[in-house]
Amino acid sequence: MRRALKLTGVLPADVEPDDRLTIDAGEGERLADRIHHSISINKIPDYLNCNRTQAQMLVKRGIVSQLVPGLGRGGGVLTKVALGDLDDFVCRFRANGTPVRQASDG
């Protein structure tokens, strides 16, 4: 958790493991909740009903972001995507849609 707090900026990056600091409880709880309610990128296609390439592009282009972007494969749980961010994306996406009578070709 200390690593997550440091990487997200809740704790200063230069804090030593032996240092005892306090943080805003609300920020810590929000971060813990985002971590707890997140999924890996390879599970996004099932959640959004899209394909793997689309899911990867949503993350790569920053449309939805990882808990801590840019960690690569060694980021563990912090490379996941919060479900709340995916739900917000779907809401934004649907809000910009236009009803049609019939689907177009392709």
C-alpha atoms as a PDB file:
ATOM      1  CA  MET A   1       0.000   0.000   0.000  1.00  0.00           C
ATOM      2  CA  ARG A   2       2.903   2.331   0.756  1.00  0.00           C
ATOM      3  CA  ARG A   3       4.134   1.871  -2.827  1.00  0.00           C
ATOM      4  CA  ALA A   4       0.699   2.711  -4.200  1.00  0.00           C
ATOM      5  CA  LEU A   5       0.462   5.778  -1.980  1.00  0.00           C
ATOM      6  CA  LYS A   6       3.867   6.997  -3.166  1.00  0.00           C
ATOM      7  CA  LEU A   7       3.260   6.322  -6.869  1.00  0.00           C
ATOM      8  CA  THR A   8      -0.085   8.111  -6.837  1.00  0.00           C
ATOM      9  CA  GLY A   9       1.329  11.117  -5.011  1.00  0.00           C
ATOM     10  CA  VAL A  10      -0.601  10.696  -1.775  1.00  0.00           C
ATOM     11  CA  LEU A  11       2.742  10.219   0.015  1.00  0.00           C
ATOM     12  CA  PRO A  12       5.860  12.148  -1.004  1.00  0.00           C
ATOM     13  CA  ALA A  13       8.182  10.089  -3.242  1.00  0.00           C
ATOM     14  CA  ASP A  14      11.184  10.615  -0.956  1.00  0.00           C
ATOM     15  CA  VAL A  15       9.584   9.033   2.125  1.00  0.00           C
ATOM     16  CA  GLU A  16      11.783   6.367   3.689  1.00  0.00           C
ATOM     17  CA  PRO A  17      10.276   3.026   4.801  1.00  0.00           C
ATOM     18  CA  ASP A  18      10.986   3.843   8.448  1.00  0.00           C
ATOM     19  CA  ASP A  19       9.327   7.262   8.304  1.00  0.00           C
ATOM     20  CA  ARG A  20       5.995   7.535  10.030  1.00  0.00           C
ATOM     21  CA  LEU A  21       3.716   9.951   8.264  1.00  0.00           C
ATOM     22  CA  THR A  22       0.022  10.560   8.309  1.00  0.00           C
ATOM     23  CA  ILE A  23      -2.081  11.018   5.211  1.00  0.00           C
ATOM     24  CA  ASP A  24      -5.583  12.189   4.565  1.00  0.00           C
ATOM     25  CA  ALA A  25      -7.765   9.187   5.392  1.00  0.00           C
ATOM     26  CA  GLY A  26     -10.183  10.040   2.595  1.00  0.00           C
ATOM     27  CA  GLU A  27      -7.454   9.958  -0.040  1.00  0.00           C
ATOM     28  CA  GLY A  28      -6.124   6.661   1.277  1.00  0.00           C
ATOM     29  CA  GLU A  29      -9.583   5.113   1.327  1.00  0.00           C
ATOM     30  CA  ARG A  30     -10.347   6.311  -2.207  1.00  0.00           C
ATOM     31  CA  LEU A  31      -7.111   4.787  -3.456  1.00  0.00           C
ATOM     32  CA  ALA A  32      -7.759   1.502  -1.643  1.00  0.00           C
ATOM     33  CA  ASP A  33     -11.285   1.421  -3.076  1.00  0.00           C
ATOM     34  CA  ARG A  34     -10.000   2.055  -6.620  1.00  0.00           C
ATOM     35  CA  ILE A  35      -7.447  -0.744  -6.218  1.00  0.00           C
ATOM     36  CA  HIS A  36     -10.054  -3.114  -4.792  1.00  0.00           C
ATOM     37  CA  HIS A  37     -12.561  -2.320  -7.555  1.00  0.00           C
ATOM     38  CA  SER A  38     -10.295  -2.620 -10.578  1.00  0.00           C
ATOM     39  CA  ILE A  39      -9.675  -5.158 -13.326  1.00  0.00           C
ATOM     40  CA  SER A  40      -6.709  -6.036 -15.490  1.00  0.00           C
ATOM     41  CA  ILE A  41      -6.573  -4.809 -19.077  1.00  0.00           C
ATOM     42  CA  ASN A  42      -7.117  -8.312 -20.429  1.00  0.00           C
ATOM     43  CA  LYS A  43     -10.517  -8.448 -18.647  1.00  0.00           C
ATOM     44  CA  ILE A  44     -11.769  -5.159 -20.132  1.00  0.00           C
ATOM     45  CA  PRO A  45     -13.129  -6.853 -23.304  1.00  0.00           C
ATOM     46  CA  ASP A  46     -15.568  -8.922 -21.234  1.00  0.00           C
ATOM     47  CA  TYR A  47     -16.575  -5.901 -19.149  1.00  0.00           C
ATOM     48  CA  LEU A  48     -17.158  -3.562 -22.116  1.00  0.00           C
ATOM     49  CA  ASN A  49     -18.076  -6.159 -24.744  1.00  0.00           C
ATOM     50  CA  CYS A  50     -15.221  -5.060 -27.014  1.00  0.00           C
ATOM     51  CA  ASN A  51     -12.221  -6.850 -28.471  1.00  0.00           C
ATOM     52  CA  ARG A  52      -8.731  -7.036 -26.967  1.00  0.00           C
ATOM     53  CA  THR A  53      -7.223  -4.520 -29.383  1.00  0.00           C
ATOM     54  CA  GLN A  54      -9.920  -1.962 -28.611  1.00  0.00           C
ATOM     55  CA  ALA A  55      -9.383  -2.433 -24.869  1.00  0.00           C
ATOM     56  CA  GLN A  56      -5.629  -1.995 -25.207  1.00  0.00           C
ATOM     57  CA  MET A  57      -6.070   1.137 -27.323  1.00  0.00           C
ATOM     58  CA  LEU A  58      -8.456   2.675 -24.774  1.00  0.00           C
ATOM     59  CA  VAL A  59      -5.691   2.380 -22.197  1.00  0.00           C
ATOM     60  CA  LYS A  60      -2.764   3.196 -24.494  1.00  0.00           C
ATOM     61  CA  ARG A  61      -4.407   6.403 -25.744  1.00  0.00           C
ATOM     62  CA  GLY A  62      -5.385   7.474 -22.239  1.00  0.00           C
ATOM     63  CA  ILE A  63      -9.141   7.314 -22.774  1.00  0.00           C
ATOM     64  CA  VAL A  64      -9.249   5.166 -19.643  1.00  0.00           C
ATOM     65  CA  SER A  65      -6.180   5.136 -17.449  1.00  0.00           C
ATOM     66  CA  GLN A  66      -4.453   2.589 -15.317  1.00  0.00           C
ATOM     67  CA  LEU A  67      -4.309   3.152 -11.581  1.00  0.00           C
ATOM     68  CA  VAL A  68      -0.701   4.269 -12.102  1.00  0.00           C
ATOM     69  CA  PRO A  69       0.061   4.751 -15.816  1.00  0.00           C
ATOM     70  CA  GLY A  70       3.419   3.837 -17.290  1.00  0.00           C
ATOM     71  CA  LEU A  71       4.546   1.082 -14.925  1.00  0.00           C
ATOM     72  CA  GLY A  72       4.853  -1.557 -17.625  1.00  0.00           C
ATOM     73  CA  ARG A  73       4.602  -5.249 -16.857  1.00  0.00           C
ATOM     74  CA  GLY A  74       6.233  -4.953 -13.449  1.00  0.00           C
ATOM     75  CA  GLY A  75       3.509  -2.760 -11.999  1.00  0.00           C
ATOM     76  CA  GLY A  76       1.358  -5.532 -10.602  1.00  0.00           C
ATOM     77  CA  VAL A  77      -2.029  -4.480  -9.267  1.00  0.00           C
ATOM     78  CA  LEU A  78      -1.311  -0.816 -10.032  1.00  0.00           C
ATOM     79  CA  THR A  79      -1.486  -1.491 -13.789  1.00  0.00           C
ATOM     80  CA  LYS A  80      -5.167  -2.383 -13.510  1.00  0.00           C
ATOM     81  CA  VAL A  81      -8.013  -0.073 -14.524  1.00  0.00           C
ATOM     82  CA  ALA A  82     -10.608   1.118 -12.012  1.00  0.00           C
ATOM     83  CA  LEU A  83     -14.139  -0.053 -12.766  1.00  0.00           C
ATOM     84  CA  GLY A  84     -15.400   3.441 -11.988  1.00  0.00           C
ATOM     85  CA  ASP A  85     -13.234   4.837 -14.799  1.00  0.00           C
ATOM     86  CA  LEU A  86     -14.644   2.258 -17.222  1.00  0.00           C
ATOM     87  CA  ASP A  87     -18.194   3.068 -16.133  1.00  0.00           C
ATOM     88  CA  ASP A  88     -17.526   6.800 -16.609  1.00  0.00           C
ATOM     89  CA  PHE A  89     -16.161   6.076 -20.097  1.00  0.00           C
ATOM     90  CA  VAL A  90     -19.317   4.164 -21.032  1.00  0.00           C
ATOM     91  CA  CYS A  91     -21.499   7.028 -19.749  1.00  0.00           C
ATOM     92  CA  ARG A  92     -19.514   9.604 -21.756  1.00  0.00           C
ATOM     93  CA  PHE A  93     -19.562   7.370 -24.824  1.00  0.00           C
ATOM     94  CA  ARG A  94     -23.318   6.790 -24.683  1.00  0.00           C
ATOM     95  CA  ALA A  95     -24.046  10.460 -23.983  1.00  0.00           C
ATOM     96  CA  ASN A  96     -22.546  11.365 -27.355  1.00  0.00           C
ATOM     97  CA  GLY A  97     -24.535   8.777 -29.318  1.00  0.00           C
ATOM     98  CA  THR A  98     -27.365   9.581 -31.702  1.00  0.00           C
ATOM     99  CA  PRO A  99     -30.438   7.341 -32.024  1.00  0.00           C
ATOM    100  CA  VAL A 100     -31.017   5.975 -35.548  1.00  0.00           C
ATOM    101  CA  ARG A 101     -33.822   3.984 -37.112  1.00  0.00           C
ATOM    102  CA  GLN A 102     -31.587   1.441 -38.766  1.00  0.00           C
ATOM    103  CA  ALA A 103     -27.959   0.440 -38.419  1.00  0.00           C
ATOM    104  CA  SER A 104     -25.657   1.462 -41.244  1.00  0.00           C
ATOM    105  CA  ASP A 105     -23.693  -1.001 -43.349  1.00  0.00           C
ATOM    106  CA  GLY A 106     -20.440  -1.974 -41.663  1.00  0.00           C
END
